N, C-alpha and C. Protein backbone atom coordinates (compact mmCIF):
# COMPACT_ATOMS: atom_id res chain seq x y z
N MET A 1 186.26 -58.68 170.03
CA MET A 1 185.93 -57.45 169.41
C MET A 1 185.91 -57.56 167.89
N LYS A 2 186.81 -58.40 167.38
CA LYS A 2 186.89 -58.56 165.94
C LYS A 2 185.62 -59.19 165.36
N PRO A 3 185.07 -60.21 165.99
CA PRO A 3 183.89 -60.80 165.41
C PRO A 3 182.72 -59.81 165.36
N GLN A 4 182.61 -58.97 166.36
CA GLN A 4 181.52 -57.99 166.37
C GLN A 4 181.71 -56.96 165.25
N LYS A 5 182.95 -56.57 165.03
CA LYS A 5 183.25 -55.61 163.96
C LYS A 5 182.93 -56.23 162.60
N LYS A 6 183.28 -57.50 162.46
CA LYS A 6 183.01 -58.19 161.21
C LYS A 6 181.50 -58.28 160.97
N PHE A 7 180.77 -58.53 162.06
CA PHE A 7 179.32 -58.62 161.96
C PHE A 7 178.73 -57.31 161.42
N TRP A 8 179.20 -56.19 161.96
CA TRP A 8 178.69 -54.90 161.53
C TRP A 8 179.09 -54.59 160.10
N GLU A 9 180.28 -54.97 159.69
CA GLU A 9 180.70 -54.76 158.31
C GLU A 9 179.84 -55.57 157.36
N GLN A 10 179.54 -56.84 157.75
CA GLN A 10 178.69 -57.67 156.90
C GLN A 10 177.28 -57.11 156.84
N ARG A 11 176.80 -56.63 157.98
CA ARG A 11 175.47 -56.03 158.01
C ARG A 11 175.40 -54.79 157.11
N GLN A 12 176.45 -53.96 157.19
CA GLN A 12 176.50 -52.75 156.37
C GLN A 12 176.56 -53.11 154.89
N GLN A 13 177.38 -54.12 154.56
CA GLN A 13 177.48 -54.56 153.17
C GLN A 13 176.13 -55.08 152.68
N SER A 14 175.45 -55.86 153.51
CA SER A 14 174.16 -56.41 153.09
C SER A 14 173.13 -55.28 152.90
N LEU A 15 173.21 -54.25 153.73
CA LEU A 15 172.30 -53.12 153.55
C LEU A 15 172.62 -52.36 152.27
N LEU A 16 173.90 -52.23 151.98
CA LEU A 16 174.29 -51.54 150.76
C LEU A 16 173.83 -52.28 149.52
N PHE A 17 173.92 -53.61 149.55
CA PHE A 17 173.52 -54.38 148.38
C PHE A 17 172.01 -54.44 148.22
N LYS A 18 171.26 -54.24 149.29
CA LYS A 18 169.81 -54.28 149.20
C LYS A 18 169.24 -52.99 148.59
N GLN A 19 170.02 -51.92 148.61
CA GLN A 19 169.53 -50.67 148.04
C GLN A 19 169.43 -50.80 146.52
N LYS A 20 168.49 -50.05 145.96
CA LYS A 20 168.27 -50.13 144.53
C LYS A 20 169.37 -49.45 143.74
N ARG A 21 169.94 -48.39 144.25
CA ARG A 21 171.04 -47.74 143.55
C ARG A 21 172.30 -47.88 144.38
N PRO A 22 173.40 -48.10 143.73
CA PRO A 22 174.63 -48.31 144.49
C PRO A 22 175.11 -47.02 145.16
N VAL A 23 175.71 -47.16 146.29
CA VAL A 23 176.27 -46.03 147.01
C VAL A 23 177.71 -45.87 146.56
N MET A 24 178.07 -44.65 146.18
CA MET A 24 179.42 -44.40 145.72
C MET A 24 180.32 -44.18 146.93
N THR A 25 181.33 -45.00 147.02
CA THR A 25 182.26 -44.85 148.14
C THR A 25 183.67 -44.54 147.67
N GLU A 26 183.96 -44.78 146.39
CA GLU A 26 185.30 -44.50 145.88
C GLU A 26 185.42 -43.01 145.55
N PRO A 27 186.56 -42.41 145.85
CA PRO A 27 186.73 -40.98 145.56
C PRO A 27 186.57 -40.64 144.09
N LYS A 28 187.06 -41.50 143.19
CA LYS A 28 186.92 -41.22 141.77
C LYS A 28 185.45 -41.20 141.35
N ALA A 29 184.69 -42.12 141.90
CA ALA A 29 183.26 -42.19 141.57
C ALA A 29 182.54 -40.96 142.11
N ILE A 30 182.90 -40.54 143.30
CA ILE A 30 182.29 -39.35 143.90
C ILE A 30 182.63 -38.12 143.06
N LEU A 31 183.89 -38.00 142.66
CA LEU A 31 184.30 -36.86 141.83
C LEU A 31 183.60 -36.88 140.48
N LYS A 32 183.44 -38.06 139.91
CA LYS A 32 182.74 -38.17 138.63
C LYS A 32 181.29 -37.72 138.77
N GLY A 33 180.64 -38.15 139.86
CA GLY A 33 179.25 -37.74 140.10
C GLY A 33 179.14 -36.24 140.32
N LEU A 34 180.06 -35.70 141.09
CA LEU A 34 180.05 -34.25 141.32
C LEU A 34 180.33 -33.50 140.02
N GLY A 35 181.24 -34.04 139.21
CA GLY A 35 181.54 -33.42 137.92
C GLY A 35 180.32 -33.37 137.02
N MET A 36 179.56 -34.48 137.00
CA MET A 36 178.34 -34.51 136.20
C MET A 36 177.32 -33.49 136.71
N LEU A 37 177.18 -33.43 138.04
CA LEU A 37 176.24 -32.46 138.61
C LEU A 37 176.66 -31.03 138.28
N MET A 38 177.97 -30.77 138.38
CA MET A 38 178.47 -29.43 138.06
C MET A 38 178.23 -29.12 136.58
N GLY A 39 178.46 -30.11 135.72
CA GLY A 39 178.23 -29.91 134.28
C GLY A 39 176.77 -29.61 133.98
N ILE A 40 175.88 -30.35 134.61
CA ILE A 40 174.44 -30.10 134.43
C ILE A 40 174.08 -28.72 134.96
N GLY A 41 174.64 -28.35 136.10
CA GLY A 41 174.37 -27.03 136.68
C GLY A 41 174.86 -25.91 135.77
N VAL A 42 176.06 -26.07 135.21
CA VAL A 42 176.60 -25.05 134.31
C VAL A 42 175.74 -24.96 133.05
N LEU A 43 175.34 -26.09 132.50
CA LEU A 43 174.49 -26.10 131.31
C LEU A 43 173.15 -25.44 131.59
N LEU A 44 172.55 -25.77 132.72
CA LEU A 44 171.26 -25.17 133.08
C LEU A 44 171.40 -23.67 133.30
N THR A 45 172.45 -23.26 133.99
CA THR A 45 172.69 -21.84 134.22
C THR A 45 172.91 -21.11 132.90
N GLY A 46 173.69 -21.71 132.02
CA GLY A 46 173.92 -21.10 130.70
C GLY A 46 172.64 -20.95 129.91
N THR A 47 171.80 -21.96 129.96
CA THR A 47 170.53 -21.91 129.24
C THR A 47 169.64 -20.80 129.80
N ILE A 48 169.57 -20.69 131.10
CA ILE A 48 168.75 -19.65 131.73
C ILE A 48 169.30 -18.27 131.40
N LEU A 49 170.61 -18.12 131.47
CA LEU A 49 171.21 -16.81 131.13
C LEU A 49 170.96 -16.45 129.67
N PHE A 50 171.05 -17.42 128.77
CA PHE A 50 170.77 -17.15 127.36
C PHE A 50 169.32 -16.73 127.17
N TYR A 51 168.39 -17.39 127.85
CA TYR A 51 166.98 -17.05 127.74
C TYR A 51 166.73 -15.62 128.24
N VAL A 52 167.29 -15.29 129.39
CA VAL A 52 167.11 -13.94 129.95
C VAL A 52 167.73 -12.91 129.01
N TRP A 53 168.92 -13.18 128.49
CA TRP A 53 169.57 -12.25 127.56
C TRP A 53 168.70 -12.04 126.32
N SER A 54 168.13 -13.12 125.79
CA SER A 54 167.31 -12.98 124.58
C SER A 54 166.06 -12.15 124.87
N ARG A 55 165.46 -12.32 126.03
CA ARG A 55 164.28 -11.52 126.38
C ARG A 55 164.66 -10.04 126.53
N VAL A 56 165.79 -9.77 127.15
CA VAL A 56 166.25 -8.39 127.30
C VAL A 56 166.51 -7.77 125.93
N GLU A 57 167.10 -8.53 125.02
CA GLU A 57 167.35 -8.04 123.66
C GLU A 57 166.04 -7.74 122.94
N VAL A 58 165.04 -8.58 123.12
CA VAL A 58 163.74 -8.34 122.48
C VAL A 58 163.15 -7.03 122.98
N VAL A 59 163.20 -6.81 124.28
CA VAL A 59 162.65 -5.57 124.85
C VAL A 59 163.44 -4.37 124.33
N ARG A 60 164.78 -4.47 124.31
CA ARG A 60 165.61 -3.37 123.83
C ARG A 60 165.31 -3.06 122.36
N LEU A 61 165.16 -4.11 121.55
CA LEU A 61 164.87 -3.90 120.14
C LEU A 61 163.47 -3.32 119.93
N ASN A 62 162.51 -3.70 120.77
CA ASN A 62 161.17 -3.10 120.68
C ASN A 62 161.22 -1.61 120.97
N TYR A 63 161.99 -1.21 121.98
CA TYR A 63 162.14 0.21 122.26
C TYR A 63 162.82 0.94 121.10
N THR A 64 163.80 0.29 120.48
CA THR A 64 164.47 0.89 119.33
C THR A 64 163.51 1.04 118.16
N ILE A 65 162.70 0.04 117.92
CA ILE A 65 161.71 0.10 116.83
C ILE A 65 160.71 1.21 117.11
N LEU A 66 160.27 1.34 118.35
CA LEU A 66 159.31 2.39 118.71
C LEU A 66 159.91 3.78 118.46
N ALA A 67 161.14 3.98 118.90
CA ALA A 67 161.79 5.28 118.70
C ALA A 67 161.99 5.56 117.21
N THR A 68 162.36 4.55 116.45
CA THR A 68 162.58 4.72 115.02
C THR A 68 161.27 5.04 114.30
N SER A 69 160.19 4.39 114.69
CA SER A 69 158.91 4.68 114.04
C SER A 69 158.42 6.08 114.38
N LYS A 70 158.69 6.55 115.60
CA LYS A 70 158.34 7.94 115.94
C LYS A 70 159.14 8.92 115.08
N GLU A 71 160.43 8.63 114.93
CA GLU A 71 161.29 9.48 114.09
C GLU A 71 160.83 9.46 112.64
N GLU A 72 160.39 8.28 112.15
CA GLU A 72 159.90 8.17 110.78
C GLU A 72 158.65 9.02 110.60
N ARG A 73 157.71 8.95 111.55
CA ARG A 73 156.50 9.76 111.45
C ARG A 73 156.82 11.25 111.46
N LYS A 74 157.77 11.65 112.32
CA LYS A 74 158.17 13.06 112.39
C LYS A 74 158.76 13.52 111.06
N LEU A 75 159.64 12.71 110.47
CA LEU A 75 160.26 13.06 109.19
C LEU A 75 159.24 13.05 108.06
N PHE A 76 158.27 12.14 108.11
CA PHE A 76 157.23 12.10 107.09
C PHE A 76 156.40 13.39 107.13
N MET A 77 156.04 13.81 108.35
CA MET A 77 155.26 15.05 108.47
C MET A 77 156.08 16.26 108.00
N GLN A 78 157.36 16.28 108.32
CA GLN A 78 158.22 17.38 107.88
C GLN A 78 158.32 17.38 106.35
N ASN A 79 158.42 16.20 105.76
CA ASN A 79 158.48 16.09 104.30
C ASN A 79 157.19 16.60 103.66
N GLU A 80 156.05 16.26 104.26
CA GLU A 80 154.77 16.75 103.72
C GLU A 80 154.67 18.27 103.80
N ARG A 81 155.12 18.85 104.94
CA ARG A 81 155.10 20.31 105.07
C ARG A 81 156.00 20.96 104.02
N LEU A 82 157.16 20.37 103.79
CA LEU A 82 158.08 20.93 102.79
C LEU A 82 157.52 20.81 101.38
N LYS A 83 156.79 19.75 101.09
CA LYS A 83 156.15 19.62 99.77
C LYS A 83 155.11 20.71 99.57
N VAL A 84 154.32 20.97 100.61
CA VAL A 84 153.30 22.02 100.52
C VAL A 84 153.97 23.38 100.33
N GLU A 85 155.03 23.63 101.10
CA GLU A 85 155.75 24.90 100.98
C GLU A 85 156.35 25.06 99.58
N LEU A 86 156.92 24.00 99.02
CA LEU A 86 157.48 24.06 97.67
C LEU A 86 156.40 24.33 96.64
N ALA A 87 155.24 23.69 96.82
CA ALA A 87 154.13 23.93 95.89
C ALA A 87 153.68 25.38 95.95
N GLN A 88 153.67 25.95 97.16
CA GLN A 88 153.27 27.35 97.29
C GLN A 88 154.31 28.27 96.66
N LEU A 89 155.58 27.96 96.83
CA LEU A 89 156.63 28.81 96.27
C LEU A 89 156.71 28.73 94.75
N LEU A 90 156.26 27.63 94.17
CA LEU A 90 156.34 27.45 92.73
C LEU A 90 155.04 27.78 91.99
N THR A 91 154.10 28.43 92.63
CA THR A 91 152.86 28.79 91.94
C THR A 91 153.17 29.82 90.85
N PRO A 92 152.53 29.68 89.70
CA PRO A 92 152.80 30.61 88.59
C PRO A 92 152.53 32.07 88.95
N SER A 93 151.50 32.36 89.71
CA SER A 93 151.19 33.75 90.04
C SER A 93 152.30 34.36 90.91
N ARG A 94 152.82 33.60 91.87
CA ARG A 94 153.90 34.10 92.72
C ARG A 94 155.17 34.33 91.92
N LEU A 95 155.51 33.36 91.04
CA LEU A 95 156.70 33.51 90.20
C LEU A 95 156.57 34.71 89.26
N SER A 96 155.38 34.93 88.74
CA SER A 96 155.14 36.07 87.84
C SER A 96 155.33 37.39 88.58
N SER A 97 154.77 37.48 89.79
CA SER A 97 154.91 38.72 90.55
C SER A 97 156.36 38.94 90.97
N LEU A 98 157.10 37.92 91.32
CA LEU A 98 158.52 38.06 91.66
C LEU A 98 159.32 38.53 90.45
N ALA A 99 159.01 37.97 89.28
CA ALA A 99 159.73 38.36 88.07
C ALA A 99 159.48 39.83 87.74
N LYS A 100 158.25 40.29 87.90
CA LYS A 100 157.92 41.68 87.56
C LYS A 100 158.46 42.66 88.61
N ASN A 101 158.30 42.33 89.89
CA ASN A 101 158.65 43.28 90.95
C ASN A 101 160.14 43.27 91.30
N LYS A 102 160.72 42.11 91.51
CA LYS A 102 162.11 42.05 91.97
C LYS A 102 163.11 42.04 90.83
N LEU A 103 162.78 41.39 89.74
CA LEU A 103 163.74 41.26 88.64
C LEU A 103 163.46 42.24 87.50
N ASN A 104 162.39 43.03 87.63
CA ASN A 104 162.00 44.02 86.62
C ASN A 104 161.86 43.42 85.22
N LEU A 105 161.27 42.27 85.15
CA LEU A 105 161.02 41.64 83.86
C LEU A 105 159.65 42.05 83.36
N LYS A 106 159.48 41.96 82.03
CA LYS A 106 158.19 42.31 81.41
C LYS A 106 157.64 41.08 80.70
N ASP A 107 156.35 41.14 80.40
CA ASP A 107 155.75 40.06 79.63
C ASP A 107 156.37 40.06 78.23
N PRO A 108 156.59 38.88 77.66
CA PRO A 108 157.20 38.84 76.31
C PRO A 108 156.22 39.32 75.25
N SER A 109 156.78 39.89 74.22
CA SER A 109 155.93 40.30 73.09
C SER A 109 155.65 39.07 72.24
N HIS A 110 154.73 39.25 71.26
CA HIS A 110 154.35 38.12 70.42
C HIS A 110 155.51 37.64 69.57
N ARG A 111 156.43 38.53 69.20
CA ARG A 111 157.58 38.11 68.39
C ARG A 111 158.61 37.31 69.21
N GLN A 112 158.63 37.51 70.52
CA GLN A 112 159.60 36.81 71.36
C GLN A 112 159.15 35.39 71.73
N ILE A 113 157.93 35.07 71.51
CA ILE A 113 157.40 33.76 71.85
C ILE A 113 157.66 32.81 70.69
N ILE A 114 158.26 31.67 70.98
CA ILE A 114 158.54 30.65 69.97
C ILE A 114 157.76 29.39 70.37
N TYR A 115 156.97 28.93 69.44
CA TYR A 115 156.19 27.73 69.68
C TYR A 115 156.94 26.53 69.12
N MET A 116 156.95 25.46 69.86
CA MET A 116 157.66 24.26 69.44
C MET A 116 156.66 23.13 69.21
N LYS A 117 156.98 22.32 68.22
CA LYS A 117 156.09 21.20 67.91
C LYS A 117 156.64 19.92 68.46
């Protein structure tokens, strides 16, 4: 029985040596290989998660920019309306009529007018 067992062990060894890459049979070597695979997997997963996070941030920032530009346009239009309203309120004819009607002011006489150079 022993010679047959030896024959199979030699046959297995010869098959192992004929392969182009060595077969890992030691536990330390297997753990090292698994560790490398796990490291590559973690690195790949981290890279994919970073890429997805960056794309989500780009979309979120685009929505923020869109909302901000809408708010800017709204405030610009409100500012323009307020400028028009201020111009209407400061017209000389309106101020003159307010001074005469509400404040009971009169036009100045020629002696009250002082010209400056």
